[in-house]
Amino acid sequence: MIVRRLIHAMGYRYRLHRRTLPGSPDLVFPSKRKVVFVHGCFWHSHADQHCKLSLPPKSRVDYWGPKLARNKERDAENEEKLRLAGWDVLVVWECQLRDRERLASRLVDFLDPRPSTLDV
């Protein structure tokens, strides 16, 4: 909800959970051909060493290990399918929601990339 409210307040409009797209992205911008996934650090195994939310479980490792590994594998497959279909993909991690200014900057950079200026 944090990402949705932030994007809406910035004036962008989107569609939710397009089931026809791989992975059913959280936010879809059809005219821009861009999608945003908001991943929970634990459930999607955030690989950032500074993320304290993605610590692997200490109990029932035989259950959680394969389950979390499959989530990560499925995420990579869905991202690849989307990219091959011509979509740009942005993943926002749960731990990144704390710094709203940085998050807003990432979202603007993703949704409205500035054209590169070439010195002639």
PDB file of N, CA and C in Angstrom:
ATOM      1  N   MET A   1       0.817  -1.192   0.000  1.00  0.00           N
ATOM      2  CA  MET A   1       0.000   0.000   0.000  1.00  0.00           C
ATOM      3  C   MET A   1       0.862   1.257   0.000  1.00  0.00           C
ATOM      4  N   ILE A   2       2.028   1.196   0.621  1.00  0.00           N
ATOM      5  CA  ILE A   2       2.924   2.360   0.671  1.00  0.00           C
ATOM      6  C   ILE A   2       3.316   2.774  -0.737  1.00  0.00           C
ATOM      7  N   VAL A   3       3.715   1.812  -1.541  1.00  0.00           N
ATOM      8  CA  VAL A   3       4.150   2.107  -2.909  1.00  0.00           C
ATOM      9  C   VAL A   3       2.975   2.615  -3.731  1.00  0.00           C
ATOM     10  N   ARG A   4       1.828   2.003  -3.578  1.00  0.00           N
ATOM     11  CA  ARG A   4       0.650   2.425  -4.336  1.00  0.00           C
ATOM     12  C   ARG A   4       0.269   3.864  -4.006  1.00  0.00           C
ATOM     13  N   ARG A   5       0.244   4.195  -2.730  1.00  0.00           N
ATOM     14  CA  ARG A   5      -0.116   5.559  -2.340  1.00  0.00           C
ATOM     15  C   ARG A   5       0.908   6.568  -2.841  1.00  0.00           C
ATOM     16  N   LEU A   6       2.184   6.221  -2.736  1.00  0.00           N
ATOM     17  CA  LEU A   6       3.252   7.116  -3.171  1.00  0.00           C
ATOM     18  C   LEU A   6       3.157   7.376  -4.674  1.00  0.00           C
ATOM     19  N   ILE A   7       2.999   6.326  -5.454  1.00  0.00           N
ATOM     20  CA  ILE A   7       2.911   6.471  -6.911  1.00  0.00           C
ATOM     21  C   ILE A   7       1.667   7.273  -7.298  1.00  0.00           C
ATOM     22  N   HIS A   8       0.563   7.001  -6.654  1.00  0.00           N
ATOM     23  CA  HIS A   8      -0.668   7.734  -6.953  1.00  0.00           C
ATOM     24  C   HIS A   8      -0.514   9.217  -6.613  1.00  0.00           C
ATOM     25  N   ALA A   9       0.109   9.514  -5.475  1.00  0.00           N
ATOM     26  CA  ALA A   9       0.322  10.907  -5.065  1.00  0.00           C
ATOM     27  C   ALA A   9       1.248  11.644  -6.028  1.00  0.00           C
ATOM     28  N   MET A  10       2.133  10.903  -6.705  1.00  0.00           N
ATOM     29  CA  MET A  10       3.033  11.518  -7.678  1.00  0.00           C
ATOM     30  C   MET A  10       2.345  11.724  -9.030  1.00  0.00           C
ATOM     31  N   GLY A  11       1.093  11.300  -9.147  1.00  0.00           N
ATOM     32  CA  GLY A  11       0.327  11.551 -10.364  1.00  0.00           C
ATOM     33  C   GLY A  11       0.306  10.410 -11.365  1.00  0.00           C
ATOM     34  N   TYR A  12       0.901   9.297 -11.048  1.00  0.00           N
ATOM     35  CA  TYR A  12       0.901   8.149 -11.965  1.00  0.00           C
ATOM     36  C   TYR A  12      -0.354   7.315 -11.744  1.00  0.00           C
ATOM     37  N   ARG A  13      -0.845   6.721 -12.809  1.00  0.00           N
ATOM     38  CA  ARG A  13      -1.989   5.817 -12.723  1.00  0.00           C
ATOM     39  C   ARG A  13      -1.539   4.444 -13.209  1.00  0.00           C
ATOM     40  N   TYR A  14      -2.104   3.432 -12.618  1.00  0.00           N
ATOM     41  CA  TYR A  14      -1.633   2.068 -12.850  1.00  0.00           C
ATOM     42  C   TYR A  14      -2.784   1.094 -12.745  1.00  0.00           C
ATOM     43  N   ARG A  15      -2.510  -0.125 -13.115  1.00  0.00           N
ATOM     44  CA  ARG A  15      -3.433  -1.243 -12.948  1.00  0.00           C
ATOM     45  C   ARG A  15      -2.816  -2.185 -11.920  1.00  0.00           C
ATOM     46  N   LEU A  16      -3.679  -2.907 -11.226  1.00  0.00           N
ATOM     47  CA  LEU A  16      -3.213  -3.838 -10.199  1.00  0.00           C
ATOM     48  C   LEU A  16      -3.243  -5.275 -10.694  1.00  0.00           C
ATOM     49  N   HIS A  17      -2.230  -6.021 -10.361  1.00  0.00           N
ATOM     50  CA  HIS A  17      -2.189  -7.484 -10.503  1.00  0.00           C
ATOM     51  C   HIS A  17      -2.748  -8.010 -11.818  1.00  0.00           C
ATOM     52  N   ARG A  18      -2.171  -7.599 -12.923  1.00  0.00           N
ATOM     53  CA  ARG A  18      -2.595  -8.112 -14.228  1.00  0.00           C
ATOM     54  C   ARG A  18      -2.326  -9.608 -14.290  1.00  0.00           C
ATOM     55  N   ARG A  19      -3.360 -10.389 -14.214  1.00  0.00           N
ATOM     56  CA  ARG A  19      -3.217 -11.853 -14.185  1.00  0.00           C
ATOM     57  C   ARG A  19      -2.725 -12.413 -15.525  1.00  0.00           C
ATOM     58  N   THR A  20      -2.842 -11.627 -16.591  1.00  0.00           N
ATOM     59  CA  THR A  20      -2.394 -12.103 -17.893  1.00  0.00           C
ATOM     60  C   THR A  20      -0.883 -11.969 -18.062  1.00  0.00           C
ATOM     61  N   LEU A  21      -0.229 -11.274 -17.153  1.00  0.00           N
ATOM     62  CA  LEU A  21       1.225 -11.119 -17.219  1.00  0.00           C
ATOM     63  C   LEU A  21       1.907 -12.109 -16.278  1.00  0.00           C
ATOM     64  N   PRO A  22       3.097 -12.597 -16.646  1.00  0.00           N
ATOM     65  CA  PRO A  22       3.818 -13.532 -15.781  1.00  0.00           C
ATOM     66  C   PRO A  22       4.066 -12.935 -14.395  1.00  0.00           C
ATOM     67  N   GLY A  23       3.739 -13.689 -13.364  1.00  0.00           N
ATOM     68  CA  GLY A  23       3.991 -13.259 -12.000  1.00  0.00           C
ATOM     69  C   GLY A  23       2.931 -12.335 -11.445  1.00  0.00           C
ATOM     70  N   SER A  24       1.947 -11.970 -12.249  1.00  0.00           N
ATOM     71  CA  SER A  24       0.885 -11.058 -11.828  1.00  0.00           C
ATOM     72  C   SER A  24       1.462  -9.860 -11.075  1.00  0.00           C
ATOM     73  N   PRO A  25       2.170  -8.967 -11.787  1.00  0.00           N
ATOM     74  CA  PRO A  25       2.865  -7.847 -11.138  1.00  0.00           C
ATOM     75  C   PRO A  25       1.944  -7.011 -10.249  1.00  0.00           C
ATOM     76  N   ASP A  26       2.517  -6.452  -9.183  1.00  0.00           N
ATOM     77  CA  ASP A  26       1.732  -5.662  -8.242  1.00  0.00           C
ATOM     78  C   ASP A  26       1.184  -4.401  -8.895  1.00  0.00           C
ATOM     79  N   LEU A  27       2.006  -3.707  -9.667  1.00  0.00           N
ATOM     80  CA  LEU A  27       1.579  -2.488 -10.355  1.00  0.00           C
ATOM     81  C   LEU A  27       1.965  -2.600 -11.826  1.00  0.00           C
ATOM     82  N   VAL A  28       1.027  -2.273 -12.686  1.00  0.00           N
ATOM     83  CA  VAL A  28       1.267  -2.368 -14.126  1.00  0.00           C
ATOM     84  C   VAL A  28       0.958  -1.010 -14.756  1.00  0.00           C
ATOM     85  N   PHE A  29       1.892  -0.537 -15.577  1.00  0.00           N
ATOM     86  CA  PHE A  29       1.745   0.707 -16.322  1.00  0.00           C
ATOM     87  C   PHE A  29       1.707   0.340 -17.807  1.00  0.00           C
ATOM     88  N   PRO A  30       0.521  -0.019 -18.313  1.00  0.00           N
ATOM     89  CA  PRO A  30       0.422  -0.557 -19.674  1.00  0.00           C
ATOM     90  C   PRO A  30       0.975   0.358 -20.763  1.00  0.00           C
ATOM     91  N   SER A  31       0.701   1.655 -20.690  1.00  0.00           N
ATOM     92  CA  SER A  31       1.162   2.552 -21.757  1.00  0.00           C
ATOM     93  C   SER A  31       2.676   2.709 -21.768  1.00  0.00           C
ATOM     94  N   LYS A  32       3.314   2.517 -20.626  1.00  0.00           N
ATOM     95  CA  LYS A  32       4.768   2.626 -20.535  1.00  0.00           C
ATOM     96  C   LYS A  32       5.454   1.264 -20.692  1.00  0.00           C
ATOM     97  N   ARG A  33       4.658   0.194 -20.666  1.00  0.00           N
ATOM     98  CA  ARG A  33       5.157  -1.191 -20.693  1.00  0.00           C
ATOM     99  C   ARG A  33       6.155  -1.406 -19.555  1.00  0.00           C
ATOM    100  N   LYS A  34       5.715  -1.020 -18.356  1.00  0.00           N
ATOM    101  CA  LYS A  34       6.541  -1.164 -17.161  1.00  0.00           C
ATOM    102  C   LYS A  34       5.707  -1.793 -16.060  1.00  0.00           C
ATOM    103  N   VAL A  35       6.389  -2.601 -15.228  1.00  0.00           N
ATOM    104  CA  VAL A  35       5.729  -3.237 -14.094  1.00  0.00           C
ATOM    105  C   VAL A  35       6.592  -3.074 -12.851  1.00  0.00           C
ATOM    106  N   VAL A  36       5.925  -3.077 -11.707  1.00  0.00           N
ATOM    107  CA  VAL A  36       6.611  -2.993 -10.423  1.00  0.00           C
ATOM    108  C   VAL A  36       6.152  -4.159  -9.560  1.00  0.00           C
ATOM    109  N   PHE A  37       7.124  -4.871  -9.005  1.00  0.00           N
ATOM    110  CA  PHE A  37       6.853  -5.905  -8.015  1.00  0.00           C
ATOM    111  C   PHE A  37       7.281  -5.358  -6.658  1.00  0.00           C
ATOM    112  N   VAL A  38       6.476  -5.588  -5.636  1.00  0.00           N
ATOM    113  CA  VAL A  38       6.859  -5.247  -4.270  1.00  0.00           C
ATOM    114  C   VAL A  38       7.033  -6.579  -3.550  1.00  0.00           C
ATOM    115  N   HIS A  39       8.295  -6.899  -3.222  1.00  0.00           N
ATOM    116  CA  HIS A  39       8.621  -8.196  -2.632  1.00  0.00           C
ATOM    117  C   HIS A  39       8.891  -8.076  -1.139  1.00  0.00           C
ATOM    118  N   GLY A  40       8.343  -9.020  -0.399  1.00  0.00           N
ATOM    119  CA  GLY A  40       8.694  -9.162   1.008  1.00  0.00           C
ATOM    120  C   GLY A  40      10.082  -9.772   1.097  1.00  0.00           C
ATOM    121  N   CYS A  41      10.923  -9.206   1.927  1.00  0.00           N
ATOM    122  CA  CYS A  41      12.321  -9.648   1.996  1.00  0.00           C
ATOM    123  C   CYS A  41      12.450 -11.112   2.407  1.00  0.00           C
ATOM    124  N   PHE A  42      11.657 -11.562   3.363  1.00  0.00           N
ATOM    125  CA  PHE A  42      11.732 -12.954   3.801  1.00  0.00           C
ATOM    126  C   PHE A  42      11.216 -13.889   2.719  1.00  0.00           C
ATOM    127  N   TRP A  43      10.020 -13.620   2.214  1.00  0.00           N
ATOM    128  CA  TRP A  43       9.365 -14.546   1.290  1.00  0.00           C
ATOM    129  C   TRP A  43      10.062 -14.663  -0.050  1.00  0.00           C
ATOM    130  N   HIS A  44      10.766 -13.626  -0.452  1.00  0.00           N
ATOM    131  CA  HIS A  44      11.436 -13.656  -1.755  1.00  0.00           C
ATOM    132  C   HIS A  44      12.952 -13.699  -1.620  1.00  0.00           C
ATOM    133  N   SER A  45      13.451 -13.946  -0.418  1.00  0.00           N
ATOM    134  CA  SER A  45      14.886 -14.150  -0.145  1.00  0.00           C
ATOM    135  C   SER A  45      15.751 -13.002  -0.663  1.00  0.00           C
ATOM    136  N   HIS A  46      15.529 -11.829  -0.110  1.00  0.00           N
ATOM    137  CA  HIS A  46      16.316 -10.659  -0.481  1.00  0.00           C
ATOM    138  C   HIS A  46      17.788 -10.942  -0.200  1.00  0.00           C
ATOM    139  N   ALA A  47      18.636 -10.750  -1.190  1.00  0.00           N
ATOM    140  CA  ALA A  47      20.045 -11.128  -1.102  1.00  0.00           C
ATOM    141  C   ALA A  47      20.938 -10.036  -0.506  1.00  0.00           C
ATOM    142  N   ASP A  48      20.393  -8.883  -0.168  1.00  0.00           N
ATOM    143  CA  ASP A  48      21.190  -7.789   0.396  1.00  0.00           C
ATOM    144  C   ASP A  48      21.677  -8.186   1.784  1.00  0.00           C
ATOM    145  N   GLN A  49      22.987  -8.128   1.981  1.00  0.00           N
ATOM    146  CA  GLN A  49      23.562  -8.546   3.261  1.00  0.00           C
ATOM    147  C   GLN A  49      23.172  -7.614   4.411  1.00  0.00           C
ATOM    148  N   HIS A  50      22.734  -6.411   4.113  1.00  0.00           N
ATOM    149  CA  HIS A  50      22.337  -5.448   5.141  1.00  0.00           C
ATOM    150  C   HIS A  50      20.864  -5.570   5.519  1.00  0.00           C
ATOM    151  N   CYS A  51      20.120  -6.380   4.808  1.00  0.00           N
ATOM    152  CA  CYS A  51      18.685  -6.534   5.062  1.00  0.00           C
ATOM    153  C   CYS A  51      18.484  -7.496   6.233  1.00  0.00           C
ATOM    154  N   LYS A  52      17.903  -6.974   7.293  1.00  0.00           N
ATOM    155  CA  LYS A  52      17.665  -7.802   8.478  1.00  0.00           C
ATOM    156  C   LYS A  52      16.331  -8.541   8.394  1.00  0.00           C
ATOM    157  N   LEU A  53      15.531  -8.219   7.393  1.00  0.00           N
ATOM    158  CA  LEU A  53      14.219  -8.850   7.249  1.00  0.00           C
ATOM    159  C   LEU A  53      14.283 -10.169   6.480  1.00  0.00           C
ATOM    160  N   SER A  54      15.425 -10.455   5.880  1.00  0.00           N
ATOM    161  CA  SER A  54      15.511 -11.648   5.038  1.00  0.00           C
ATOM    162  C   SER A  54      16.316 -12.776   5.670  1.00  0.00           C
ATOM    163  N   LEU A  55      16.473 -12.738   6.973  1.00  0.00           N
ATOM    164  CA  LEU A  55      17.237 -13.785   7.638  1.00  0.00           C
ATOM    165  C   LEU A  55      16.575 -15.140   7.426  1.00  0.00           C
ATOM    166  N   PRO A  56      17.373 -16.145   7.075  1.00  0.00           N
ATOM    167  CA  PRO A  56      16.784 -17.470   6.846  1.00  0.00           C
ATOM    168  C   PRO A  56      16.294 -18.076   8.164  1.00  0.00           C
ATOM    169  N   PRO A  57      15.247 -18.876   8.116  1.00  0.00           N
ATOM    170  CA  PRO A  57      14.735 -19.490   9.345  1.00  0.00           C
ATOM    171  C   PRO A  57      15.730 -20.479   9.931  1.00  0.00           C
ATOM    172  N   LYS A  58      15.707 -20.590  11.238  1.00  0.00           N
ATOM    173  CA  LYS A  58      16.622 -21.512  11.926  1.00  0.00           C
ATOM    174  C   LYS A  58      15.960 -22.851  12.206  1.00  0.00           C
ATOM    175  N   SER A  59      14.644 -22.889  12.195  1.00  0.00           N
ATOM    176  CA  SER A  59      13.944 -24.147  12.422  1.00  0.00           C
ATOM    177  C   SER A  59      13.262 -24.585  11.129  1.00  0.00           C
ATOM    178  N   ARG A  60      13.025 -25.877  11.018  1.00  0.00           N
ATOM    179  CA  ARG A  60      12.367 -26.477   9.851  1.00  0.00           C
ATOM    180  C   ARG A  60      13.019 -26.051   8.538  1.00  0.00           C
ATOM    181  N   VAL A  61      14.336 -26.051   8.527  1.00  0.00           N
ATOM    182  CA  VAL A  61      15.098 -25.646   7.344  1.00  0.00           C
ATOM    183  C   VAL A  61      14.774 -26.548   6.155  1.00  0.00           C
ATOM    184  N   ASP A  62      14.498 -27.832   6.421  1.00  0.00           N
ATOM    185  CA  ASP A  62      14.165 -28.757   5.347  1.00  0.00           C
ATOM    186  C   ASP A  62      12.862 -28.362   4.648  1.00  0.00           C
ATOM    187  N   TYR A  63      11.976 -27.669   5.343  1.00  0.00           N
ATOM    188  CA  TYR A  63      10.737 -27.179   4.741  1.00  0.00           C
ATOM    189  C   TYR A  63      10.942 -25.814   4.084  1.00  0.00           C
ATOM    190  N   TRP A  64      11.510 -24.871   4.842  1.00  0.00           N
ATOM    191  CA  TRP A  64      11.632 -23.496   4.370  1.00  0.00           C
ATOM    192  C   TRP A  64      12.666 -23.329   3.264  1.00  0.00           C
ATOM    193  N   GLY A  65      13.749 -24.047   3.318  1.00  0.00           N
ATOM    194  CA  GLY A  65      14.802 -23.909   2.308  1.00  0.00           C
ATOM    195  C   GLY A  65      14.286 -24.063   0.887  1.00  0.00           C
ATOM    196  N   PRO A  66      13.686 -25.223   0.562  1.00  0.00           N
ATOM    197  CA  PRO A  66      13.169 -25.410  -0.801  1.00  0.00           C
ATOM    198  C   PRO A  66      12.030 -24.451  -1.153  1.00  0.00           C
ATOM    199  N   LYS A  67      11.182 -24.143  -0.181  1.00  0.00           N
ATOM    200  CA  LYS A  67      10.056 -23.250  -0.440  1.00  0.00           C
ATOM    201  C   LYS A  67      10.547 -21.862  -0.840  1.00  0.00           C
ATOM    202  N   LEU A  68      11.485 -21.308  -0.083  1.00  0.00           N
ATOM    203  CA  LEU A  68      12.002 -19.976  -0.388  1.00  0.00           C
ATOM    204  C   LEU A  68      12.852 -19.976  -1.655  1.00  0.00           C
ATOM    205  N   ALA A  69      13.587 -21.061  -1.878  1.00  0.00           N
ATOM    206  CA  ALA A  69      14.393 -21.169  -3.099  1.00  0.00           C
ATOM    207  C   ALA A  69      13.487 -21.190  -4.333  1.00  0.00           C
ATOM    208  N   ARG A  70      12.366 -21.886  -4.239  1.00  0.00           N
ATOM    209  CA  ARG A  70      11.433 -21.945  -5.376  1.00  0.00           C
ATOM    210  C   ARG A  70      10.810 -20.574  -5.630  1.00  0.00           C
ATOM    211  N   ASN A  71      10.501 -19.825  -4.566  1.00  0.00           N
ATOM    212  CA  ASN A  71       9.971 -18.470  -4.749  1.00  0.00           C
ATOM    213  C   ASN A  71      10.954 -17.614  -5.530  1.00  0.00           C
ATOM    214  N   LYS A  72      12.213 -17.690  -5.148  1.00  0.00           N
ATOM    215  CA  LYS A  72      13.253 -16.891  -5.804  1.00  0.00           C
ATOM    216  C   LYS A  72      13.413 -17.306  -7.271  1.00  0.00           C
ATOM    217  N   GLU A  73      13.379 -18.609  -7.507  1.00  0.00           N
ATOM    218  CA  GLU A  73      13.492 -19.142  -8.865  1.00  0.00           C
ATOM    219  C   GLU A  73      12.314 -18.688  -9.731  1.00  0.00           C
ATOM    220  N   ARG A  74      11.119 -18.750  -9.179  1.00  0.00           N
ATOM    221  CA  ARG A  74       9.922 -18.333  -9.905  1.00  0.00           C
ATOM    222  C   ARG A  74       9.967 -16.832 -10.212  1.00  0.00           C
ATOM    223  N   ASP A  75      10.460 -16.028  -9.259  1.00  0.00           N
ATOM    224  CA  ASP A  75      10.602 -14.585  -9.497  1.00  0.00           C
ATOM    225  C   ASP A  75      11.509 -14.324 -10.698  1.00  0.00           C
ATOM    226  N   ALA A  76      12.644 -15.019 -10.751  1.00  0.00           N
ATOM    227  CA  ALA A  76      13.595 -14.832 -11.854  1.00  0.00           C
ATOM    228  C   ALA A  76      12.964 -15.252 -13.186  1.00  0.00           C
ATOM    229  N   GLU A  77      12.221 -16.351 -13.173  1.00  0.00           N
ATOM    230  CA  GLU A  77      11.556 -16.815 -14.397  1.00  0.00           C
ATOM    231  C   GLU A  77      10.537 -15.790 -14.888  1.00  0.00           C
ATOM    232  N   ASN A  78       9.748 -15.264 -13.969  1.00  0.00           N
ATOM    233  CA  ASN A  78       8.724 -14.288 -14.350  1.00  0.00           C
ATOM    234  C   ASN A  78       9.337 -12.996 -14.867  1.00  0.00           C
ATOM    235  N   GLU A  79      10.408 -12.535 -14.231  1.00  0.00           N
ATOM    236  CA  GLU A  79      11.090 -11.330 -14.705  1.00  0.00           C
ATOM    237  C   GLU A  79      11.630 -11.532 -16.111  1.00  0.00           C
ATOM    238  N   GLU A  80      12.215 -12.682 -16.349  1.00  0.00           N
ATOM    239  CA  GLU A  80      12.767 -12.977 -17.672  1.00  0.00           C
ATOM    240  C   GLU A  80      11.663 -13.012 -18.732  1.00  0.00           C
ATOM    241  N   LYS A  81      10.547 -13.645 -18.418  1.00  0.00           N
ATOM    242  CA  LYS A  81       9.422 -13.695 -19.360  1.00  0.00           C
ATOM    243  C   LYS A  81       8.914 -12.291 -19.680  1.00  0.00           C
ATOM    244  N   LEU A  82       8.803 -11.457 -18.660  1.00  0.00           N
ATOM    245  CA  LEU A  82       8.337 -10.087 -18.873  1.00  0.00           C
ATOM    246  C   LEU A  82       9.310  -9.304 -19.747  1.00  0.00           C
ATOM    247  N   ARG A  83      10.596  -9.412 -19.464  1.00  0.00           N
ATOM    248  CA  ARG A  83      11.605  -8.688 -20.247  1.00  0.00           C
ATOM    249  C   ARG A  83      11.593  -9.151 -21.709  1.00  0.00           C
ATOM    250  N   LEU A  84      11.476 -10.448 -21.914  1.00  0.00           N
ATOM    251  CA  LEU A  84      11.428 -10.976 -23.281  1.00  0.00           C
ATOM    252  C   LEU A  84      10.181 -10.494 -24.022  1.00  0.00           C
ATOM    253  N   ALA A  85       9.114 -10.208 -23.273  1.00  0.00           N
ATOM    254  CA  ALA A  85       7.877  -9.716 -23.885  1.00  0.00           C
ATOM    255  C   ALA A  85       7.897  -8.192 -24.051  1.00  0.00           C
ATOM    256  N   GLY A  86       9.025  -7.562 -23.715  1.00  0.00           N
ATOM    257  CA  GLY A  86       9.163  -6.126 -23.927  1.00  0.00           C
ATOM    258  C   GLY A  86       8.777  -5.245 -22.757  1.00  0.00           C
ATOM    259  N   TRP A  87       8.665  -5.814 -21.570  1.00  0.00           N
ATOM    260  CA  TRP A  87       8.318  -5.047 -20.374  1.00  0.00           C
ATOM    261  C   TRP A  87       9.572  -4.711 -19.577  1.00  0.00           C
ATOM    262  N   ASP A  88       9.591  -3.512 -18.977  1.00  0.00           N
ATOM    263  CA  ASP A  88      10.642  -3.153 -18.025  1.00  0.00           C
ATOM    264  C   ASP A  88      10.130  -3.525 -16.634  1.00  0.00           C
ATOM    265  N   VAL A  89      11.051  -4.019 -15.793  1.00  0.00           N
ATOM    266  CA  VAL A  89      10.666  -4.534 -14.483  1.00  0.00           C
ATOM    267  C   VAL A  89      11.459  -3.827 -13.388  1.00  0.00           C
ATOM    268  N   LEU A  90      10.755  -3.419 -12.345  1.00  0.00           N
ATOM    269  CA  LEU A  90      11.391  -2.858 -11.151  1.00  0.00           C
ATOM    270  C   LEU A  90      10.921  -3.671  -9.955  1.00  0.00           C
ATOM    271  N   VAL A  91      11.876  -4.094  -9.117  1.00  0.00           N
ATOM    272  CA  VAL A  91      11.545  -4.799  -7.886  1.00  0.00           C
ATOM    273  C   VAL A  91      11.827  -3.861  -6.725  1.00  0.00           C
ATOM    274  N   VAL A  92      10.814  -3.644  -5.901  1.00  0.00           N
ATOM    275  CA  VAL A  92      10.954  -2.854  -4.683  1.00  0.00           C
ATOM    276  C   VAL A  92      10.899  -3.837  -3.520  1.00  0.00           C
ATOM    277  N   TRP A  93      11.912  -3.791  -2.674  1.00  0.00           N
ATOM    278  CA  TRP A  93      11.997  -4.694  -1.529  1.00  0.00           C
ATOM    279  C   TRP A  93      11.370  -4.048  -0.296  1.00  0.00           C
ATOM    280  N   GLU A  94      10.817  -4.875   0.539  1.00  0.00           N
ATOM    281  CA  GLU A  94      10.163  -4.432   1.774  1.00  0.00           C
ATOM    282  C   GLU A  94      11.057  -3.517   2.608  1.00  0.00           C
ATOM    283  N   CYS A  95      12.323  -3.824   2.719  1.00  0.00           N
ATOM    284  CA  CYS A  95      13.239  -3.019   3.530  1.00  0.00           C
ATOM    285  C   CYS A  95      13.504  -1.641   2.912  1.00  0.00           C
ATOM    286  N   GLN A  96      13.213  -1.485   1.630  1.00  0.00           N
ATOM    287  CA  GLN A  96      13.433  -0.209   0.948  1.00  0.00           C
ATOM    288  C   GLN A  96      12.268   0.759   1.145  1.00  0.00           C
ATOM    289  N   LEU A  97      11.206   0.309   1.783  1.00  0.00           N
ATOM    290  CA  LEU A  97      10.037   1.156   1.982  1.00  0.00           C
ATOM    291  C   LEU A  97      10.260   2.191   3.078  1.00  0.00           C
ATOM    292  N   ARG A  98      11.260   1.999   3.894  1.00  0.00           N
ATOM    293  CA  ARG A  98      11.513   2.904   5.020  1.00  0.00           C
ATOM    294  C   ARG A  98      11.972   4.282   4.575  1.00  0.00           C
ATOM    295  N   ASP A  99      12.790   4.338   3.551  1.00  0.00           N
ATOM    296  CA  ASP A  99      13.317   5.613   3.060  1.00  0.00           C
ATOM    297  C   ASP A  99      12.438   6.082   1.902  1.00  0.00           C
ATOM    298  N   ARG A 100      11.399   6.830   2.227  1.00  0.00           N
ATOM    299  CA  ARG A 100      10.397   7.226   1.233  1.00  0.00           C
ATOM    300  C   ARG A 100      10.974   8.125   0.149  1.00  0.00           C
ATOM    301  N   GLU A 101      11.882   9.023   0.516  1.00  0.00           N
ATOM    302  CA  GLU A 101      12.458   9.920  -0.492  1.00  0.00           C
ATOM    303  C   GLU A 101      13.268   9.143  -1.521  1.00  0.00           C
ATOM    304  N   ARG A 102      14.063   8.230  -1.059  1.00  0.00           N
ATOM    305  CA  ARG A 102      14.863   7.412  -1.978  1.00  0.00           C
ATOM    306  C   ARG A 102      13.956   6.532  -2.843  1.00  0.00           C
ATOM    307  N   LEU A 103      12.918   5.987  -2.220  1.00  0.00           N
ATOM    308  CA  LEU A 103      11.960   5.167  -2.957  1.00  0.00           C
ATOM    309  C   LEU A 103      11.284   5.987  -4.046  1.00  0.00           C
ATOM    310  N   ALA A 104      10.838   7.187  -3.697  1.00  0.00           N
ATOM    311  CA  ALA A 104      10.183   8.060  -4.680  1.00  0.00           C
ATOM    312  C   ALA A 104      11.131   8.369  -5.832  1.00  0.00           C
ATOM    313  N   SER A 105      12.393   8.614  -5.529  1.00  0.00           N
ATOM    314  CA  SER A 105      13.381   8.901  -6.564  1.00  0.00           C
ATOM    315  C   SER A 105      13.568   7.698  -7.496  1.00  0.00           C
ATOM    316  N   ARG A 106      13.652   6.507  -6.929  1.00  0.00           N
ATOM    317  CA  ARG A 106      13.788   5.291  -7.747  1.00  0.00           C
ATOM    318  C   ARG A 106      12.582   5.106  -8.664  1.00  0.00           C
ATOM    319  N   LEU A 107      11.400   5.348  -8.113  1.00  0.00           N
ATOM    320  CA  LEU A 107      10.182   5.169  -8.901  1.00  0.00           C
ATOM    321  C   LEU A 107      10.108   6.167 -10.051  1.00  0.00           C
ATOM    322  N   VAL A 108      10.453   7.421  -9.790  1.00  0.00           N
ATOM    323  CA  VAL A 108      10.444   8.435 -10.857  1.00  0.00           C
ATOM    324  C   VAL A 108      11.484   8.084 -11.912  1.00  0.00           C
ATOM    325  N   ASP A 109      12.672   7.686 -11.493  1.00  0.00           N
ATOM    326  CA  ASP A 109      13.717   7.309 -12.451  1.00  0.00           C
ATOM    327  C   ASP A 109      13.270   6.132 -13.321  1.00  0.00           C
ATOM    328  N   PHE A 110      12.529   5.219 -12.727  1.00  0.00           N
ATOM    329  CA  PHE A 110      12.055   4.056 -13.473  1.00  0.00           C
ATOM    330  C   PHE A 110      10.912   4.427 -14.421  1.00  0.00           C
ATOM    331  N   LEU A 111       9.963   5.208 -13.923  1.00  0.00           N
ATOM    332  CA  LEU A 111       8.773   5.499 -14.709  1.00  0.00           C
ATOM    333  C   LEU A 111       8.988   6.596 -15.746  1.00  0.00           C
ATOM    334  N   ASP A 112       9.845   7.556 -15.449  1.00  0.00           N
ATOM    335  CA  ASP A 112      10.126   8.654 -16.379  1.00  0.00           C
ATOM    336  C   ASP A 112      11.630   8.855 -16.507  1.00  0.00           C
ATOM    337  N   PRO A 113      12.318   7.937 -17.162  1.00  0.00           N
ATOM    338  CA  PRO A 113      13.763   8.096 -17.290  1.00  0.00           C
ATOM    339  C   PRO A 113      14.102   9.371 -18.077  1.00  0.00           C
ATOM    340  N   ARG A 114      15.093  10.050 -17.594  1.00  0.00           N
ATOM    341  CA  ARG A 114      15.540  11.271 -18.269  1.00  0.00           C
ATOM    342  C   ARG A 114      16.315  10.885 -19.526  1.00  0.00           C
ATOM    343  N   PRO A 115      16.042  11.561 -20.629  1.00  0.00           N
ATOM    344  CA  PRO A 115      16.792  11.257 -21.857  1.00  0.00           C
ATOM    345  C   PRO A 115      18.266  11.645 -21.645  1.00  0.00           C
ATOM    346  N   SER A 116      19.130  10.815 -22.156  1.00  0.00           N
ATOM    347  CA  SER A 116      20.556  11.119 -22.015  1.00  0.00           C
ATOM    348  C   SER A 116      20.911  12.263 -22.958  1.00  0.00           C
ATOM    349  N   THR A 117      21.737  13.136 -22.480  1.00  0.00           N
ATOM    350  CA  THR A 117      22.168  14.260 -23.317  1.00  0.00           C
ATOM    351  C   THR A 117      23.575  13.979 -23.816  1.00  0.00           C
ATOM    352  N   LEU A 118      23.728  14.100 -25.087  1.00  0.00           N
ATOM    353  CA  LEU A 118      25.026  13.843 -25.691  1.00  0.00           C
ATOM    354  C   LEU A 118      25.679  15.173 -26.023  1.00  0.00           C
ATOM    355  N   ASP A 119      26.923  15.317 -25.622  1.00  0.00           N
ATOM    356  CA  ASP A 119      27.669  16.532 -25.962  1.00  0.00           C
ATOM    357  C   ASP A 119      28.157  16.410 -27.390  1.00  0.00           C
ATOM    358  N   VAL A 120      27.875  17.400 -28.184  1.00  0.00           N
ATOM    359  CA  VAL A 120      28.261  17.369 -29.599  1.00  0.00           C
ATOM    360  C   VAL A 120      29.460  18.245 -29.812  1.00  0.00           C
TER     361      VAL A 120
END
